[in-house]
Amino acid sequence: MINYKDIKKLDTVEIENKIKELKDSLLKAKISKLNQGDFDTNTYTKIKKDIARCMTEVNLRVKE
């Protein structure tokens, strides 16, 4: 899980790259769920929350 303070330290390009990485890991988690049938929903929720934190920070920076 990414701490919001750590996100604020990154610049916008790094945050956007982090969002891409998180979306890739979310896709990989979904694929592993389909392949193995065993899926930790807690991990899925954490990844989605990290994406939301990053998107919030990017949106705040665009408004400024």
N, C-alpha and C. Protein backbone atom coordinates (compact mmCIF):
# COMPACT_ATOMS: atom_id res chain seq x y z
N MET A 1 0.84 -1.17 0.00
CA MET A 1 0.00 0.00 0.00
C MET A 1 0.89 1.24 0.00
N ILE A 2 0.53 2.19 -0.83
CA ILE A 2 1.30 3.42 -0.96
C ILE A 2 0.77 4.46 0.02
N ASN A 3 1.67 5.09 0.72
CA ASN A 3 1.31 6.14 1.65
C ASN A 3 1.08 7.44 0.87
N TYR A 4 0.05 8.20 1.24
CA TYR A 4 -0.28 9.43 0.52
C TYR A 4 0.85 10.45 0.59
N LYS A 5 1.58 10.48 1.69
CA LYS A 5 2.71 11.40 1.82
C LYS A 5 3.80 11.07 0.79
N ASP A 6 3.99 9.79 0.52
CA ASP A 6 4.97 9.38 -0.48
C ASP A 6 4.53 9.80 -1.88
N ILE A 7 3.24 9.75 -2.13
CA ILE A 7 2.72 10.16 -3.44
C ILE A 7 2.94 11.66 -3.66
N LYS A 8 2.74 12.45 -2.62
CA LYS A 8 2.91 13.89 -2.74
C LYS A 8 4.35 14.27 -3.06
N LYS A 9 5.31 13.44 -2.67
CA LYS A 9 6.72 13.72 -2.93
C LYS A 9 7.10 13.51 -4.39
N LEU A 10 6.33 12.70 -5.10
CA LEU A 10 6.62 12.40 -6.50
C LEU A 10 6.14 13.53 -7.40
N ASP A 11 6.78 13.67 -8.56
CA ASP A 11 6.25 14.63 -9.52
C ASP A 11 5.18 13.97 -10.37
N THR A 12 4.49 14.76 -11.16
CA THR A 12 3.30 14.29 -11.87
C THR A 12 3.61 13.13 -12.82
N VAL A 13 4.72 13.19 -13.52
CA VAL A 13 5.08 12.13 -14.46
C VAL A 13 5.32 10.82 -13.73
N GLU A 14 5.99 10.89 -12.59
CA GLU A 14 6.23 9.68 -11.80
C GLU A 14 4.93 9.08 -11.28
N ILE A 15 3.99 9.93 -10.89
CA ILE A 15 2.70 9.44 -10.42
C ILE A 15 1.95 8.76 -11.55
N GLU A 16 1.97 9.36 -12.75
CA GLU A 16 1.30 8.76 -13.89
C GLU A 16 1.92 7.41 -14.24
N ASN A 17 3.24 7.30 -14.13
CA ASN A 17 3.90 6.01 -14.36
C ASN A 17 3.50 4.99 -13.30
N LYS A 18 3.35 5.44 -12.07
CA LYS A 18 2.93 4.57 -10.98
C LYS A 18 1.51 4.06 -11.22
N ILE A 19 0.65 4.91 -11.75
CA ILE A 19 -0.72 4.50 -12.07
C ILE A 19 -0.70 3.40 -13.12
N LYS A 20 0.14 3.55 -14.13
CA LYS A 20 0.25 2.52 -15.16
C LYS A 20 0.73 1.19 -14.57
N GLU A 21 1.71 1.27 -13.68
CA GLU A 21 2.21 0.05 -13.03
C GLU A 21 1.12 -0.62 -12.20
N LEU A 22 0.36 0.17 -11.47
CA LEU A 22 -0.70 -0.37 -10.64
C LEU A 22 -1.81 -1.00 -11.48
N LYS A 23 -2.13 -0.37 -12.60
CA LYS A 23 -3.15 -0.94 -13.48
C LYS A 23 -2.67 -2.25 -14.08
N ASP A 24 -1.37 -2.33 -14.40
CA ASP A 24 -0.81 -3.58 -14.90
C ASP A 24 -0.89 -4.68 -13.84
N SER A 25 -0.56 -4.33 -12.61
CA SER A 25 -0.61 -5.33 -11.54
C SER A 25 -2.05 -5.76 -11.26
N LEU A 26 -3.00 -4.84 -11.43
CA LEU A 26 -4.41 -5.17 -11.28
C LEU A 26 -4.84 -6.16 -12.35
N LEU A 27 -4.40 -5.93 -13.58
CA LEU A 27 -4.71 -6.85 -14.67
C LEU A 27 -4.10 -8.22 -14.42
N LYS A 28 -2.85 -8.24 -13.97
CA LYS A 28 -2.19 -9.52 -13.67
C LYS A 28 -2.92 -10.26 -12.55
N ALA A 29 -3.42 -9.53 -11.58
CA ALA A 29 -4.16 -10.16 -10.49
C ALA A 29 -5.46 -10.77 -11.00
N LYS A 30 -6.12 -10.07 -11.92
CA LYS A 30 -7.35 -10.60 -12.49
C LYS A 30 -7.08 -11.86 -13.31
N ILE A 31 -5.98 -11.85 -14.06
CA ILE A 31 -5.62 -13.01 -14.87
C ILE A 31 -5.29 -14.20 -13.98
N SER A 32 -4.57 -13.96 -12.90
CA SER A 32 -4.24 -15.05 -11.98
C SER A 32 -5.50 -15.61 -11.33
N LYS A 33 -6.49 -14.75 -11.11
CA LYS A 33 -7.76 -15.21 -10.55
C LYS A 33 -8.43 -16.17 -11.53
N LEU A 34 -8.42 -15.82 -12.80
CA LEU A 34 -9.05 -16.67 -13.80
C LEU A 34 -8.29 -17.99 -13.97
N ASN A 35 -6.98 -17.93 -13.91
CA ASN A 35 -6.17 -19.14 -14.13
C ASN A 35 -6.20 -20.09 -12.94
N GLN A 36 -6.10 -19.54 -11.74
CA GLN A 36 -5.95 -20.38 -10.56
C GLN A 36 -7.23 -20.51 -9.76
N GLY A 37 -8.12 -19.58 -9.91
CA GLY A 37 -9.34 -19.60 -9.12
C GLY A 37 -9.13 -19.10 -7.71
N ASP A 38 -7.88 -18.98 -7.29
CA ASP A 38 -7.56 -18.50 -5.95
C ASP A 38 -7.16 -17.04 -6.06
N PHE A 39 -7.91 -16.19 -5.39
CA PHE A 39 -7.67 -14.76 -5.52
C PHE A 39 -7.90 -14.08 -4.19
N ASP A 40 -6.94 -13.27 -3.79
CA ASP A 40 -7.04 -12.53 -2.54
C ASP A 40 -7.73 -11.20 -2.83
N THR A 41 -8.98 -11.06 -2.43
CA THR A 41 -9.72 -9.84 -2.70
C THR A 41 -9.15 -8.64 -1.95
N ASN A 42 -8.44 -8.90 -0.88
CA ASN A 42 -7.80 -7.83 -0.13
C ASN A 42 -6.74 -7.14 -0.99
N THR A 43 -5.96 -7.90 -1.72
CA THR A 43 -4.94 -7.34 -2.60
C THR A 43 -5.58 -6.51 -3.69
N TYR A 44 -6.64 -7.03 -4.27
CA TYR A 44 -7.37 -6.32 -5.33
C TYR A 44 -7.86 -4.97 -4.82
N THR A 45 -8.41 -4.94 -3.63
CA THR A 45 -8.92 -3.70 -3.04
C THR A 45 -7.80 -2.71 -2.77
N LYS A 46 -6.67 -3.20 -2.28
CA LYS A 46 -5.53 -2.32 -2.00
C LYS A 46 -5.00 -1.67 -3.27
N ILE A 47 -4.91 -2.43 -4.34
CA ILE A 47 -4.42 -1.89 -5.61
C ILE A 47 -5.36 -0.80 -6.11
N LYS A 48 -6.66 -1.04 -6.03
CA LYS A 48 -7.64 -0.05 -6.48
C LYS A 48 -7.56 1.22 -5.64
N LYS A 49 -7.34 1.08 -4.34
CA LYS A 49 -7.23 2.26 -3.48
C LYS A 49 -5.95 3.04 -3.79
N ASP A 50 -4.85 2.35 -4.09
CA ASP A 50 -3.62 3.02 -4.46
C ASP A 50 -3.80 3.81 -5.76
N ILE A 51 -4.51 3.22 -6.72
CA ILE A 51 -4.78 3.92 -7.97
C ILE A 51 -5.61 5.17 -7.70
N ALA A 52 -6.59 5.05 -6.83
CA ALA A 52 -7.44 6.20 -6.49
C ALA A 52 -6.64 7.31 -5.82
N ARG A 53 -5.73 6.95 -4.93
CA ARG A 53 -4.89 7.95 -4.27
C ARG A 53 -4.04 8.70 -5.29
N CYS A 54 -3.45 7.96 -6.20
CA CYS A 54 -2.61 8.58 -7.23
C CYS A 54 -3.43 9.48 -8.14
N MET A 55 -4.60 9.01 -8.54
CA MET A 55 -5.46 9.81 -9.42
C MET A 55 -5.93 11.08 -8.72
N THR A 56 -6.20 11.00 -7.44
CA THR A 56 -6.62 12.17 -6.67
C THR A 56 -5.52 13.22 -6.68
N GLU A 57 -4.29 12.80 -6.45
CA GLU A 57 -3.18 13.74 -6.42
C GLU A 57 -2.96 14.38 -7.80
N VAL A 58 -3.05 13.59 -8.86
CA VAL A 58 -2.89 14.12 -10.21
C VAL A 58 -3.98 15.15 -10.50
N ASN A 59 -5.21 14.83 -10.15
CA ASN A 59 -6.33 15.75 -10.39
C ASN A 59 -6.18 17.03 -9.60
N LEU A 60 -5.67 16.96 -8.38
CA LEU A 60 -5.44 18.17 -7.58
C LEU A 60 -4.38 19.04 -8.21
N ARG A 61 -3.36 18.42 -8.75
CA ARG A 61 -2.28 19.19 -9.39
C ARG A 61 -2.74 19.85 -10.67
N VAL A 62 -3.62 19.20 -11.39
CA VAL A 62 -4.12 19.78 -12.65
C VAL A 62 -4.98 21.01 -12.36
N LYS A 63 -5.72 20.98 -11.28
CA LYS A 63 -6.58 22.12 -10.92
C LYS A 63 -5.79 23.34 -10.50
N GLU A 64 -4.59 23.13 -9.99
CA GLU A 64 -3.78 24.26 -9.49
C GLU A 64 -3.13 25.03 -10.59
